[in-house]
N, C-alpha and C. Protein backbone atom coordinates (compact mmCIF):
# COMPACT_ATOMS: atom_id res chain seq x y z
N UNK A 1 199.59 -8.76 97.64
CA UNK A 1 200.67 -8.40 96.73
C UNK A 1 200.38 -7.07 96.02
N UNK A 2 199.11 -6.88 95.64
CA UNK A 2 198.76 -5.63 94.98
C UNK A 2 198.93 -4.44 95.93
N UNK A 3 198.54 -4.66 97.19
CA UNK A 3 198.69 -3.58 98.18
C UNK A 3 200.16 -3.25 98.42
N UNK A 4 201.00 -4.30 98.47
CA UNK A 4 202.44 -4.08 98.65
C UNK A 4 203.02 -3.34 97.45
N UNK A 5 202.55 -3.70 96.25
CA UNK A 5 203.03 -3.01 95.04
C UNK A 5 202.62 -1.54 95.06
N UNK A 6 201.39 -1.27 95.49
CA UNK A 6 200.93 0.12 95.57
C UNK A 6 201.74 0.91 96.58
N UNK A 7 202.10 0.27 97.70
CA UNK A 7 202.92 0.92 98.72
C UNK A 7 204.31 1.26 98.18
N UNK A 8 204.88 0.30 97.45
CA UNK A 8 206.21 0.53 96.86
C UNK A 8 206.15 1.64 95.82
N UNK A 9 205.07 1.65 95.03
CA UNK A 9 204.91 2.69 94.03
C UNK A 9 204.78 4.06 94.68
N UNK A 10 204.06 4.11 95.81
CA UNK A 10 203.93 5.38 96.54
C UNK A 10 205.30 5.87 97.02
N UNK A 11 206.14 4.95 97.51
CA UNK A 11 207.48 5.33 97.97
C UNK A 11 208.31 5.88 96.81
N UNK A 12 208.21 5.21 95.65
CA UNK A 12 208.96 5.67 94.47
C UNK A 12 208.52 7.07 94.05
N UNK A 13 207.22 7.30 94.03
CA UNK A 13 206.71 8.60 93.61
C UNK A 13 207.09 9.67 94.63
N UNK A 14 207.00 9.34 95.90
CA UNK A 14 207.37 10.32 96.94
C UNK A 14 208.83 10.72 96.81
N UNK A 15 209.70 9.71 96.63
CA UNK A 15 211.14 10.00 96.48
C UNK A 15 211.40 10.82 95.22
N UNK A 16 210.73 10.44 94.11
CA UNK A 16 210.91 11.17 92.85
C UNK A 16 210.45 12.61 92.99
N UNK A 17 209.33 12.81 93.72
CA UNK A 17 208.82 14.17 93.90
C UNK A 17 209.79 15.02 94.69
N UNK A 18 210.39 14.43 95.72
CA UNK A 18 211.38 15.16 96.53
C UNK A 18 212.57 15.57 95.66
N UNK A 19 213.06 14.63 94.85
CA UNK A 19 214.20 14.93 93.99
C UNK A 19 213.86 16.03 92.98
N UNK A 20 212.63 15.96 92.41
CA UNK A 20 212.22 16.99 91.45
C UNK A 20 212.18 18.34 92.14
N UNK A 21 211.64 18.37 93.37
CA UNK A 21 211.59 19.62 94.11
C UNK A 21 212.97 20.19 94.38
N UNK A 22 213.92 19.31 94.72
CA UNK A 22 215.30 19.75 94.99
C UNK A 22 215.92 20.32 93.72
N UNK A 23 215.76 19.61 92.60
CA UNK A 23 216.35 20.09 91.33
C UNK A 23 215.75 21.42 90.89
N UNK A 24 214.41 21.54 91.06
CA UNK A 24 213.76 22.80 90.68
C UNK A 24 214.25 23.94 91.57
N UNK A 25 214.38 23.66 92.85
CA UNK A 25 214.86 24.70 93.78
C UNK A 25 216.29 25.11 93.44
N UNK A 26 217.16 24.12 93.09
CA UNK A 26 218.54 24.44 92.75
C UNK A 26 218.63 25.23 91.45
N UNK A 27 217.73 24.90 90.50
CA UNK A 27 217.80 25.55 89.19
C UNK A 27 217.13 26.92 89.16
N UNK A 28 216.04 27.10 89.90
CA UNK A 28 215.26 28.33 89.81
C UNK A 28 215.20 29.10 91.13
N UNK A 29 215.51 28.43 92.22
CA UNK A 29 215.43 29.08 93.52
C UNK A 29 214.02 29.10 94.08
N UNK A 30 213.07 28.47 93.41
CA UNK A 30 211.69 28.43 93.87
C UNK A 30 211.45 27.17 94.72
N UNK A 31 210.76 27.34 95.82
CA UNK A 31 210.45 26.22 96.71
C UNK A 31 209.06 25.66 96.38
N UNK A 32 209.04 24.43 95.83
CA UNK A 32 207.77 23.79 95.45
C UNK A 32 207.36 22.68 96.42
N UNK A 33 207.97 22.67 97.60
CA UNK A 33 207.71 21.57 98.54
C UNK A 33 206.22 21.45 98.88
N UNK A 34 205.56 22.58 99.07
CA UNK A 34 204.15 22.54 99.46
C UNK A 34 203.28 21.90 98.38
N UNK A 35 203.46 22.37 97.12
CA UNK A 35 202.67 21.82 96.01
C UNK A 35 202.97 20.35 95.79
N UNK A 36 204.25 20.02 95.80
CA UNK A 36 204.64 18.62 95.58
C UNK A 36 204.12 17.74 96.71
N UNK A 37 204.20 18.24 97.95
CA UNK A 37 203.68 17.47 99.08
C UNK A 37 202.18 17.21 98.96
N UNK A 38 201.45 18.23 98.47
CA UNK A 38 200.00 18.07 98.30
C UNK A 38 199.67 17.02 97.25
N UNK A 39 200.41 17.04 96.13
CA UNK A 39 200.19 16.06 95.06
C UNK A 39 200.51 14.65 95.53
N UNK A 40 201.62 14.50 96.25
CA UNK A 40 202.00 13.18 96.77
C UNK A 40 200.94 12.69 97.77
N UNK A 41 200.44 13.59 98.61
CA UNK A 41 199.42 13.20 99.59
C UNK A 41 198.15 12.71 98.89
N UNK A 42 197.76 13.41 97.81
CA UNK A 42 196.58 12.97 97.06
C UNK A 42 196.78 11.58 96.46
N UNK A 43 197.97 11.34 95.92
CA UNK A 43 198.25 10.03 95.33
C UNK A 43 198.22 8.93 96.39
N UNK A 44 198.81 9.21 97.54
CA UNK A 44 198.83 8.21 98.62
C UNK A 44 197.41 7.92 99.10
N UNK A 45 196.59 8.95 99.21
CA UNK A 45 195.19 8.75 99.63
C UNK A 45 194.44 7.91 98.61
N UNK A 46 194.66 8.19 97.33
CA UNK A 46 193.99 7.43 96.27
C UNK A 46 194.43 5.97 96.30
N UNK A 47 195.74 5.73 96.44
CA UNK A 47 196.26 4.36 96.48
C UNK A 47 195.72 3.61 97.69
N UNK A 48 195.65 4.30 98.85
CA UNK A 48 195.12 3.66 100.04
C UNK A 48 193.65 3.32 99.91
N UNK A 49 192.88 4.23 99.31
CA UNK A 49 191.45 3.98 99.11
C UNK A 49 191.24 2.80 98.17
N UNK A 50 192.02 2.74 97.07
CA UNK A 50 191.88 1.65 96.11
C UNK A 50 192.21 0.31 96.75
N UNK A 51 193.30 0.27 97.53
CA UNK A 51 193.69 -0.99 98.17
C UNK A 51 192.65 -1.42 99.20
N UNK A 52 192.15 -0.47 99.98
CA UNK A 52 191.13 -0.81 100.98
C UNK A 52 189.85 -1.30 100.33
N UNK A 53 189.46 -0.64 99.23
CA UNK A 53 188.24 -1.05 98.52
C UNK A 53 188.35 -2.48 98.00
N UNK A 54 189.48 -2.80 97.37
CA UNK A 54 189.67 -4.14 96.82
C UNK A 54 189.70 -5.21 97.90
N UNK A 55 190.12 -4.83 99.11
CA UNK A 55 190.20 -5.80 100.21
C UNK A 55 188.86 -5.95 100.92
N UNK A 56 188.15 -4.83 101.10
CA UNK A 56 186.92 -4.83 101.89
C UNK A 56 185.74 -5.40 101.11
N UNK A 57 185.68 -5.12 99.81
CA UNK A 57 184.52 -5.56 99.03
C UNK A 57 184.25 -7.06 99.13
N UNK A 58 185.26 -7.93 98.95
CA UNK A 58 184.97 -9.37 99.09
C UNK A 58 184.52 -9.75 100.49
N UNK A 59 185.02 -9.04 101.52
CA UNK A 59 184.64 -9.36 102.89
C UNK A 59 183.19 -8.96 103.18
N UNK A 60 182.78 -7.82 102.63
CA UNK A 60 181.41 -7.36 102.83
C UNK A 60 180.43 -8.12 101.96
N UNK A 61 180.93 -8.68 100.85
CA UNK A 61 180.07 -9.43 99.93
C UNK A 61 179.90 -8.71 98.61
N UNK A 62 180.24 -9.39 97.52
CA UNK A 62 180.06 -8.82 96.21
C UNK A 62 179.61 -9.93 95.26
N UNK A 63 179.00 -9.53 94.17
CA UNK A 63 178.49 -10.50 93.21
C UNK A 63 179.65 -11.29 92.61
N UNK A 64 179.50 -12.61 92.48
CA UNK A 64 180.58 -13.42 91.90
C UNK A 64 180.72 -13.16 90.41
N UNK A 65 181.86 -13.52 89.88
CA UNK A 65 182.13 -13.38 88.46
C UNK A 65 181.14 -14.25 87.67
N UNK A 66 180.37 -13.66 86.73
CA UNK A 66 179.40 -14.44 85.95
C UNK A 66 180.04 -15.63 85.23
N UNK A 67 181.28 -15.47 84.80
CA UNK A 67 181.96 -16.57 84.12
C UNK A 67 182.21 -17.73 85.09
N UNK A 68 182.55 -17.41 86.33
CA UNK A 68 182.74 -18.45 87.34
C UNK A 68 181.44 -19.19 87.61
N UNK A 69 180.34 -18.46 87.74
CA UNK A 69 179.04 -19.08 87.96
C UNK A 69 178.68 -20.00 86.81
N UNK A 70 178.93 -19.55 85.58
CA UNK A 70 178.64 -20.36 84.40
C UNK A 70 179.44 -21.66 84.40
N UNK A 71 180.73 -21.58 84.75
CA UNK A 71 181.57 -22.76 84.76
C UNK A 71 181.15 -23.75 85.84
N UNK A 72 180.73 -23.23 87.01
CA UNK A 72 180.27 -24.11 88.08
C UNK A 72 179.03 -24.87 87.64
N UNK A 73 178.07 -24.17 87.05
CA UNK A 73 176.85 -24.83 86.59
C UNK A 73 177.15 -25.85 85.50
N UNK A 74 178.03 -25.48 84.58
CA UNK A 74 178.38 -26.40 83.50
C UNK A 74 179.01 -27.67 84.05
N UNK A 75 179.88 -27.52 85.05
CA UNK A 75 180.53 -28.70 85.63
C UNK A 75 179.51 -29.61 86.31
N UNK A 76 178.58 -29.04 87.07
CA UNK A 76 177.60 -29.86 87.77
C UNK A 76 176.65 -30.54 86.79
N UNK A 77 176.19 -29.78 85.79
CA UNK A 77 175.23 -30.32 84.83
C UNK A 77 175.87 -31.25 83.81
N UNK A 78 177.20 -31.37 83.85
CA UNK A 78 177.88 -32.30 82.95
C UNK A 78 177.47 -33.74 83.25
N UNK A 79 177.07 -34.00 84.48
CA UNK A 79 176.63 -35.34 84.86
C UNK A 79 175.19 -35.55 84.40
N UNK A 80 174.94 -36.64 83.68
CA UNK A 80 173.62 -36.91 83.11
C UNK A 80 172.54 -37.04 84.18
N UNK A 81 172.89 -37.53 85.35
CA UNK A 81 171.90 -37.75 86.40
C UNK A 81 171.51 -36.47 87.13
N UNK A 82 172.25 -35.39 86.90
CA UNK A 82 171.89 -34.10 87.50
C UNK A 82 170.92 -33.39 86.55
N UNK A 83 169.69 -33.16 87.01
CA UNK A 83 168.65 -32.61 86.14
C UNK A 83 168.56 -31.08 86.20
N UNK A 84 169.09 -30.50 87.24
CA UNK A 84 169.01 -29.05 87.35
C UNK A 84 169.81 -28.54 88.54
N UNK A 85 170.04 -27.24 88.56
CA UNK A 85 170.80 -26.60 89.64
C UNK A 85 170.08 -25.34 90.06
N UNK A 86 169.98 -25.12 91.37
CA UNK A 86 169.41 -23.86 91.87
C UNK A 86 170.02 -23.54 93.23
N UNK A 87 169.66 -22.37 93.75
CA UNK A 87 170.18 -21.89 95.04
C UNK A 87 171.70 -21.93 95.11
N UNK A 88 172.33 -21.51 94.02
CA UNK A 88 173.80 -21.46 93.99
C UNK A 88 174.28 -20.21 94.73
N UNK A 89 175.18 -20.41 95.69
CA UNK A 89 175.75 -19.32 96.47
C UNK A 89 177.26 -19.41 96.41
N UNK A 90 177.93 -18.29 96.14
CA UNK A 90 179.39 -18.23 96.08
C UNK A 90 179.88 -17.19 97.07
N UNK A 91 180.68 -17.61 98.04
CA UNK A 91 181.34 -16.70 98.97
C UNK A 91 182.83 -16.71 98.63
N UNK A 92 183.36 -15.56 98.27
CA UNK A 92 184.76 -15.48 97.85
C UNK A 92 185.49 -14.49 98.76
N UNK A 93 186.37 -15.01 99.62
CA UNK A 93 187.13 -14.17 100.54
C UNK A 93 188.61 -14.14 100.18
N UNK A 94 188.92 -14.46 98.92
CA UNK A 94 190.31 -14.44 98.49
C UNK A 94 190.81 -15.84 98.18
N UNK A 95 192.03 -15.94 97.63
CA UNK A 95 192.59 -17.23 97.23
C UNK A 95 192.57 -18.25 98.37
N UNK A 96 192.03 -19.44 98.07
CA UNK A 96 191.98 -20.49 99.07
C UNK A 96 190.86 -20.35 100.07
N UNK A 97 190.06 -19.30 99.95
CA UNK A 97 188.97 -19.06 100.90
C UNK A 97 187.67 -18.80 100.14
N UNK A 98 187.40 -19.63 99.18
CA UNK A 98 186.17 -19.54 98.40
C UNK A 98 185.26 -20.69 98.79
N UNK A 99 183.99 -20.39 99.04
CA UNK A 99 183.02 -21.41 99.44
C UNK A 99 181.83 -21.39 98.49
N UNK A 100 181.43 -22.58 98.05
CA UNK A 100 180.33 -22.73 97.11
C UNK A 100 179.30 -23.69 97.70
N UNK A 101 178.04 -23.31 97.60
CA UNK A 101 176.96 -24.23 97.98
C UNK A 101 175.86 -24.14 96.92
N UNK A 102 175.20 -25.26 96.67
CA UNK A 102 174.15 -25.29 95.65
C UNK A 102 173.24 -26.49 95.89
N UNK A 103 172.09 -26.48 95.22
CA UNK A 103 171.16 -27.59 95.25
C UNK A 103 171.19 -28.26 93.87
N UNK A 104 171.38 -29.57 93.85
CA UNK A 104 171.41 -30.32 92.60
C UNK A 104 170.20 -31.25 92.55
N UNK A 105 169.46 -31.19 91.45
CA UNK A 105 168.25 -31.99 91.30
C UNK A 105 168.57 -33.33 90.65
N UNK A 106 168.06 -34.41 91.26
CA UNK A 106 168.21 -35.76 90.70
C UNK A 106 166.84 -36.43 90.73
N UNK A 107 166.66 -37.41 89.87
CA UNK A 107 165.40 -38.12 89.81
C UNK A 107 165.16 -38.88 91.12
N UNK A 108 163.90 -38.89 91.54
CA UNK A 108 163.56 -39.61 92.77
C UNK A 108 163.75 -41.12 92.63
N UNK A 109 163.89 -41.60 91.39
CA UNK A 109 164.06 -43.03 91.15
C UNK A 109 165.51 -43.48 91.32
N UNK A 110 166.45 -42.53 91.41
CA UNK A 110 167.86 -42.90 91.55
C UNK A 110 168.12 -43.58 92.89
N UNK A 111 169.04 -44.53 92.87
CA UNK A 111 169.46 -45.15 94.11
C UNK A 111 170.13 -44.09 94.98
N UNK A 112 169.68 -43.97 96.23
CA UNK A 112 170.15 -42.87 97.07
C UNK A 112 171.65 -42.96 97.36
N UNK A 113 172.17 -44.19 97.50
CA UNK A 113 173.60 -44.34 97.76
C UNK A 113 174.43 -43.94 96.54
N UNK A 114 173.96 -44.33 95.35
CA UNK A 114 174.68 -43.97 94.13
C UNK A 114 174.61 -42.46 93.90
N UNK A 115 173.44 -41.87 94.15
CA UNK A 115 173.30 -40.43 93.96
C UNK A 115 174.18 -39.66 94.95
N UNK A 116 174.25 -40.16 96.18
CA UNK A 116 175.10 -39.52 97.19
C UNK A 116 176.57 -39.61 96.79
N UNK A 117 176.98 -40.75 96.25
CA UNK A 117 178.36 -40.91 95.80
C UNK A 117 178.67 -39.96 94.65
N UNK A 118 177.69 -39.80 93.74
CA UNK A 118 177.86 -38.86 92.62
C UNK A 118 178.05 -37.44 93.14
N UNK A 119 177.23 -37.05 94.10
CA UNK A 119 177.34 -35.70 94.67
C UNK A 119 178.71 -35.50 95.31
N UNK A 120 179.19 -36.51 96.04
CA UNK A 120 180.51 -36.41 96.66
C UNK A 120 181.60 -36.21 95.61
N UNK A 121 181.51 -36.93 94.50
CA UNK A 121 182.51 -36.80 93.43
C UNK A 121 182.48 -35.40 92.82
N UNK A 122 181.28 -34.86 92.63
CA UNK A 122 181.17 -33.50 92.06
C UNK A 122 181.77 -32.48 93.02
N UNK A 123 181.51 -32.64 94.31
CA UNK A 123 182.09 -31.74 95.30
C UNK A 123 183.61 -31.75 95.24
N UNK A 124 184.19 -32.93 95.15
CA UNK A 124 185.66 -33.02 95.08
C UNK A 124 186.19 -32.39 93.80
N UNK A 125 185.49 -32.59 92.68
CA UNK A 125 185.93 -31.98 91.42
C UNK A 125 185.86 -30.46 91.48
N UNK A 126 184.80 -29.94 92.10
CA UNK A 126 184.69 -28.48 92.25
C UNK A 126 185.83 -27.93 93.12
N UNK A 127 186.16 -28.66 94.16
CA UNK A 127 187.25 -28.23 95.04
C UNK A 127 188.57 -28.15 94.29
N UNK A 128 188.83 -29.16 93.43
CA UNK A 128 190.09 -29.18 92.68
C UNK A 128 190.11 -28.10 91.59
N UNK A 129 188.99 -27.97 90.88
CA UNK A 129 188.97 -27.07 89.73
C UNK A 129 188.91 -25.60 90.12
N UNK A 130 188.18 -25.29 91.21
CA UNK A 130 187.98 -23.89 91.58
C UNK A 130 188.61 -23.52 92.92
N UNK A 131 189.42 -24.42 93.50
CA UNK A 131 190.10 -24.17 94.77
C UNK A 131 189.14 -23.61 95.81
N UNK A 132 188.14 -24.42 96.13
CA UNK A 132 187.08 -23.95 97.00
C UNK A 132 186.61 -25.08 97.92
N UNK A 133 185.80 -24.71 98.89
CA UNK A 133 185.05 -25.68 99.69
C UNK A 133 183.65 -25.75 99.09
N UNK A 134 183.24 -26.93 98.66
CA UNK A 134 181.95 -27.08 97.97
C UNK A 134 181.01 -27.95 98.79
N UNK A 135 179.76 -27.51 98.90
CA UNK A 135 178.72 -28.27 99.58
C UNK A 135 177.49 -28.33 98.67
N UNK A 136 177.04 -29.54 98.35
CA UNK A 136 175.90 -29.72 97.45
C UNK A 136 174.77 -30.43 98.18
N UNK A 137 173.60 -29.83 98.12
CA UNK A 137 172.40 -30.45 98.69
C UNK A 137 171.66 -31.18 97.56
N UNK A 138 171.31 -32.44 97.78
CA UNK A 138 170.65 -33.23 96.77
C UNK A 138 169.13 -33.09 96.89
N UNK A 139 168.49 -32.65 95.79
CA UNK A 139 167.04 -32.50 95.76
C UNK A 139 166.43 -33.57 94.85
N UNK A 140 165.66 -34.51 95.37
CA UNK A 140 164.97 -35.48 94.51
C UNK A 140 163.77 -34.83 93.84
N UNK A 141 163.60 -35.04 92.55
CA UNK A 141 162.47 -34.46 91.81
C UNK A 141 161.73 -35.55 91.06
N UNK A 142 160.42 -35.36 90.91
CA UNK A 142 159.58 -36.30 90.17
C UNK A 142 159.50 -35.83 88.72
N UNK A 143 159.82 -36.71 87.80
CA UNK A 143 159.87 -36.32 86.39
C UNK A 143 158.83 -37.03 85.53
N UNK A 144 158.19 -38.10 86.05
CA UNK A 144 157.30 -38.90 85.22
C UNK A 144 155.83 -38.77 85.61
N UNK A 145 155.49 -37.71 86.36
CA UNK A 145 154.10 -37.47 86.73
C UNK A 145 153.53 -36.46 85.73
N UNK A 146 152.73 -36.96 84.78
CA UNK A 146 152.23 -36.11 83.70
C UNK A 146 151.35 -34.97 84.22
N UNK A 147 150.51 -35.26 85.17
CA UNK A 147 149.63 -34.23 85.71
C UNK A 147 150.44 -33.14 86.41
N UNK A 148 151.43 -33.54 87.21
CA UNK A 148 152.25 -32.56 87.91
C UNK A 148 153.05 -31.71 86.93
N UNK A 149 153.59 -32.34 85.89
CA UNK A 149 154.35 -31.59 84.89
C UNK A 149 153.47 -30.58 84.17
N UNK A 150 152.22 -30.96 83.91
CA UNK A 150 151.29 -30.05 83.26
C UNK A 150 150.97 -28.85 84.15
N UNK A 151 150.73 -29.14 85.44
CA UNK A 151 150.43 -28.05 86.38
C UNK A 151 151.65 -27.16 86.57
N UNK A 152 152.84 -27.77 86.67
CA UNK A 152 154.06 -26.99 86.81
C UNK A 152 154.25 -26.05 85.63
N UNK A 153 153.99 -26.56 84.42
CA UNK A 153 154.12 -25.72 83.22
C UNK A 153 153.13 -24.56 83.28
N UNK A 154 151.93 -24.81 83.78
CA UNK A 154 150.93 -23.74 83.91
C UNK A 154 151.44 -22.65 84.85
N UNK A 155 152.01 -23.06 85.99
CA UNK A 155 152.53 -22.08 86.95
C UNK A 155 153.72 -21.32 86.35
N UNK A 156 154.61 -22.03 85.67
CA UNK A 156 155.75 -21.38 85.03
C UNK A 156 155.29 -20.33 84.03
N UNK A 157 154.26 -20.64 83.25
CA UNK A 157 153.73 -19.68 82.27
C UNK A 157 153.14 -18.45 82.97
N UNK A 158 152.45 -18.68 84.09
CA UNK A 158 151.90 -17.55 84.85
C UNK A 158 153.02 -16.63 85.32
N UNK A 159 154.07 -17.24 85.87
CA UNK A 159 155.19 -16.47 86.41
C UNK A 159 155.91 -15.71 85.29
N UNK A 160 156.16 -16.41 84.17
CA UNK A 160 156.87 -15.78 83.05
C UNK A 160 156.08 -14.63 82.45
N UNK A 161 154.76 -14.76 82.43
CA UNK A 161 153.92 -13.69 81.89
C UNK A 161 153.98 -12.44 82.76
N UNK A 162 154.18 -12.65 84.06
CA UNK A 162 154.28 -11.51 84.99
C UNK A 162 155.67 -10.89 84.95
N UNK A 163 156.71 -11.73 84.93
CA UNK A 163 158.09 -11.24 84.89
C UNK A 163 159.00 -12.35 84.33
N UNK A 164 159.64 -12.08 83.21
CA UNK A 164 160.46 -13.09 82.55
C UNK A 164 161.71 -13.47 83.34
N UNK A 165 162.08 -12.65 84.33
CA UNK A 165 163.27 -12.93 85.13
C UNK A 165 162.98 -13.83 86.33
N UNK A 166 161.71 -14.06 86.64
CA UNK A 166 161.35 -14.90 87.78
C UNK A 166 161.48 -16.38 87.42
N UNK A 167 161.83 -17.20 88.41
CA UNK A 167 161.97 -18.65 88.21
C UNK A 167 161.35 -19.40 89.39
N UNK A 168 160.87 -20.62 89.12
CA UNK A 168 160.38 -21.46 90.21
C UNK A 168 161.21 -22.73 90.27
N UNK A 169 161.29 -23.33 91.46
CA UNK A 169 161.98 -24.61 91.62
C UNK A 169 161.41 -25.34 92.83
N UNK A 170 161.86 -26.58 93.02
CA UNK A 170 161.36 -27.43 94.11
C UNK A 170 159.84 -27.55 94.07
N UNK A 171 159.31 -27.81 92.88
CA UNK A 171 157.85 -27.89 92.70
C UNK A 171 157.34 -29.27 93.12
N UNK A 172 156.32 -29.28 93.98
CA UNK A 172 155.70 -30.53 94.43
C UNK A 172 154.18 -30.38 94.47
N UNK A 173 153.50 -31.50 94.26
CA UNK A 173 152.04 -31.55 94.40
C UNK A 173 151.70 -32.52 95.53
N UNK A 174 150.91 -32.05 96.49
CA UNK A 174 150.44 -32.91 97.57
C UNK A 174 148.93 -33.02 97.41
N UNK A 175 148.50 -34.16 96.90
CA UNK A 175 147.09 -34.36 96.58
C UNK A 175 146.30 -34.79 97.81
N UNK A 176 145.09 -34.27 97.93
CA UNK A 176 144.19 -34.65 99.01
C UNK A 176 142.81 -34.91 98.47
N UNK A 177 141.92 -35.35 99.33
CA UNK A 177 140.56 -35.68 98.88
C UNK A 177 139.75 -34.44 98.51
N UNK A 178 140.03 -33.31 99.16
CA UNK A 178 139.26 -32.09 98.91
C UNK A 178 140.03 -31.03 98.14
N UNK A 179 141.36 -31.05 98.22
CA UNK A 179 142.15 -30.03 97.53
C UNK A 179 143.58 -30.55 97.31
N UNK A 180 144.32 -29.80 96.52
CA UNK A 180 145.72 -30.16 96.21
C UNK A 180 146.62 -28.97 96.52
N UNK A 181 147.65 -29.21 97.29
CA UNK A 181 148.63 -28.17 97.59
C UNK A 181 149.75 -28.17 96.56
N UNK A 182 150.05 -27.01 96.03
CA UNK A 182 151.19 -26.84 95.13
C UNK A 182 152.28 -26.12 95.92
N UNK A 183 153.35 -26.81 96.18
CA UNK A 183 154.42 -26.28 97.02
C UNK A 183 155.65 -26.01 96.17
N UNK A 184 156.16 -24.79 96.20
CA UNK A 184 157.33 -24.45 95.39
C UNK A 184 157.95 -23.15 95.89
N UNK A 185 159.17 -22.89 95.40
CA UNK A 185 159.89 -21.63 95.68
C UNK A 185 159.86 -20.76 94.44
N UNK A 186 159.70 -19.48 94.64
CA UNK A 186 159.73 -18.51 93.55
C UNK A 186 160.90 -17.57 93.76
N UNK A 187 161.79 -17.52 92.77
CA UNK A 187 162.98 -16.65 92.84
C UNK A 187 162.69 -15.36 92.09
N UNK A 188 162.77 -14.24 92.79
CA UNK A 188 162.54 -12.93 92.18
C UNK A 188 163.83 -12.12 92.24
N UNK A 189 163.84 -10.99 91.58
CA UNK A 189 165.01 -10.12 91.61
C UNK A 189 165.12 -9.45 92.98
N UNK A 190 166.34 -9.10 93.42
CA UNK A 190 166.51 -8.48 94.74
C UNK A 190 165.67 -7.22 94.94
N UNK A 191 165.49 -6.45 93.86
CA UNK A 191 164.73 -5.20 93.97
C UNK A 191 163.26 -5.45 94.30
N UNK A 192 162.76 -6.65 93.95
CA UNK A 192 161.33 -6.93 94.14
C UNK A 192 161.05 -7.72 95.41
N UNK A 193 162.10 -8.04 96.16
CA UNK A 193 161.89 -8.82 97.37
C UNK A 193 161.07 -8.05 98.40
N UNK A 194 161.11 -6.73 98.33
CA UNK A 194 160.32 -5.91 99.26
C UNK A 194 158.82 -6.10 99.02
N UNK A 195 158.45 -6.63 97.86
CA UNK A 195 157.05 -6.90 97.53
C UNK A 195 156.70 -8.37 97.78
N UNK A 196 157.45 -9.02 98.64
CA UNK A 196 157.30 -10.45 98.86
C UNK A 196 155.86 -10.86 99.16
N UNK A 197 155.24 -10.24 100.13
CA UNK A 197 153.88 -10.61 100.51
C UNK A 197 152.88 -10.34 99.39
N UNK A 198 153.08 -9.24 98.69
CA UNK A 198 152.19 -8.90 97.58
C UNK A 198 152.30 -9.94 96.46
N UNK A 199 153.54 -10.35 96.15
CA UNK A 199 153.75 -11.34 95.09
C UNK A 199 153.16 -12.69 95.49
N UNK A 200 153.38 -13.08 96.74
CA UNK A 200 152.82 -14.35 97.24
C UNK A 200 151.29 -14.35 97.10
N UNK A 201 150.68 -13.27 97.54
CA UNK A 201 149.21 -13.18 97.50
C UNK A 201 148.70 -13.22 96.05
N UNK A 202 149.39 -12.49 95.16
CA UNK A 202 148.97 -12.46 93.76
C UNK A 202 149.05 -13.85 93.13
N UNK A 203 150.15 -14.57 93.37
CA UNK A 203 150.33 -15.87 92.74
C UNK A 203 149.37 -16.91 93.32
N UNK A 204 149.13 -16.86 94.61
CA UNK A 204 148.17 -17.80 95.22
C UNK A 204 146.79 -17.61 94.63
N UNK A 205 146.37 -16.34 94.48
CA UNK A 205 145.05 -16.07 93.91
C UNK A 205 144.98 -16.49 92.45
N UNK A 206 146.06 -16.26 91.72
CA UNK A 206 146.10 -16.61 90.30
C UNK A 206 145.96 -18.11 90.12
N UNK A 207 146.67 -18.88 90.93
CA UNK A 207 146.61 -20.34 90.82
C UNK A 207 145.24 -20.86 91.25
N UNK A 208 144.70 -20.31 92.32
CA UNK A 208 143.39 -20.76 92.81
C UNK A 208 142.29 -20.43 91.81
N UNK A 209 142.41 -19.29 91.11
CA UNK A 209 141.43 -18.93 90.09
C UNK A 209 141.49 -19.89 88.91
N UNK A 210 142.69 -20.40 88.61
CA UNK A 210 142.84 -21.33 87.49
C UNK A 210 142.18 -22.67 87.80
N UNK A 211 142.23 -23.08 89.07
CA UNK A 211 141.60 -24.33 89.50
C UNK A 211 141.26 -24.19 90.98
N UNK A 212 139.97 -24.27 91.30
CA UNK A 212 139.51 -24.03 92.67
C UNK A 212 140.05 -25.06 93.67
N UNK A 213 140.54 -26.20 93.17
CA UNK A 213 141.07 -27.22 94.08
C UNK A 213 142.55 -27.01 94.40
N UNK A 214 143.19 -26.05 93.72
CA UNK A 214 144.62 -25.79 93.92
C UNK A 214 144.82 -24.71 94.98
N UNK A 215 145.70 -25.01 95.93
CA UNK A 215 146.13 -24.04 96.93
C UNK A 215 147.66 -23.99 96.90
N UNK A 216 148.20 -22.80 96.66
CA UNK A 216 149.65 -22.65 96.52
C UNK A 216 150.31 -22.35 97.86
N UNK A 217 151.40 -23.03 98.10
CA UNK A 217 152.26 -22.74 99.26
C UNK A 217 153.58 -22.24 98.68
N UNK A 218 153.70 -20.91 98.63
CA UNK A 218 154.81 -20.28 97.90
C UNK A 218 155.82 -19.67 98.86
N UNK A 219 157.10 -19.90 98.58
CA UNK A 219 158.18 -19.23 99.30
C UNK A 219 158.90 -18.32 98.31
N UNK A 220 158.76 -17.01 98.51
CA UNK A 220 159.42 -16.04 97.63
C UNK A 220 160.80 -15.74 98.16
N UNK A 221 161.79 -15.88 97.30
CA UNK A 221 163.18 -15.63 97.70
C UNK A 221 163.91 -14.95 96.56
N UNK A 222 165.11 -14.48 96.83
CA UNK A 222 165.93 -13.84 95.81
C UNK A 222 167.12 -14.71 95.47
N UNK A 223 167.68 -14.47 94.30
CA UNK A 223 168.90 -15.17 93.92
C UNK A 223 170.06 -14.58 94.71
N UNK A 224 171.04 -15.43 95.04
CA UNK A 224 172.21 -14.97 95.80
C UNK A 224 173.37 -14.62 94.87
N UNK A 225 173.13 -14.61 93.56
CA UNK A 225 174.20 -14.32 92.61
C UNK A 225 174.13 -12.86 92.15
């Protein structure tokens, strides 16, 4: 509709320019067709560029509206059994063609059938509220392991001290007789993803120095928002 409006506006301006040129020629005898044609051409080029930009940007991929992201998270976290949200991705290709996917954290103690039903209900609500196709992956998390929570807090503090914008999620401890694996994802800014291997190596060494029995299995990724 915006492109059609711009096209109609271009027609109006072109016609008006022609009439102005005719009136000026009748009144003064001067022919301004060349100048007027150049101005109209510039306007048409500008209108075409603007319309193409507004159409192409969503197709190539652009950051979603922060307010939309906030509302999606608020809706999901409105449910008491949802403990957290991560890996939120929004693909917006225009009205009726918006796709949302995210990971929702629930306690590992929840009944799997009830949790699955809850996820289905949230997906339907997102579809109605935001006119989208919604897909939610359910992540079970352990919340009552005091040792794991303490270690997770230690890792979070390490990460925050290095960069306040970094976040970790999907944290797990796999205990063994000789060592313990700490498995988690680290979300960094897009600009720092090129340092992925360097960041992984730094964090693994930092965690191992804190406790010789800890070995980190880190996946460095960027936010899709």
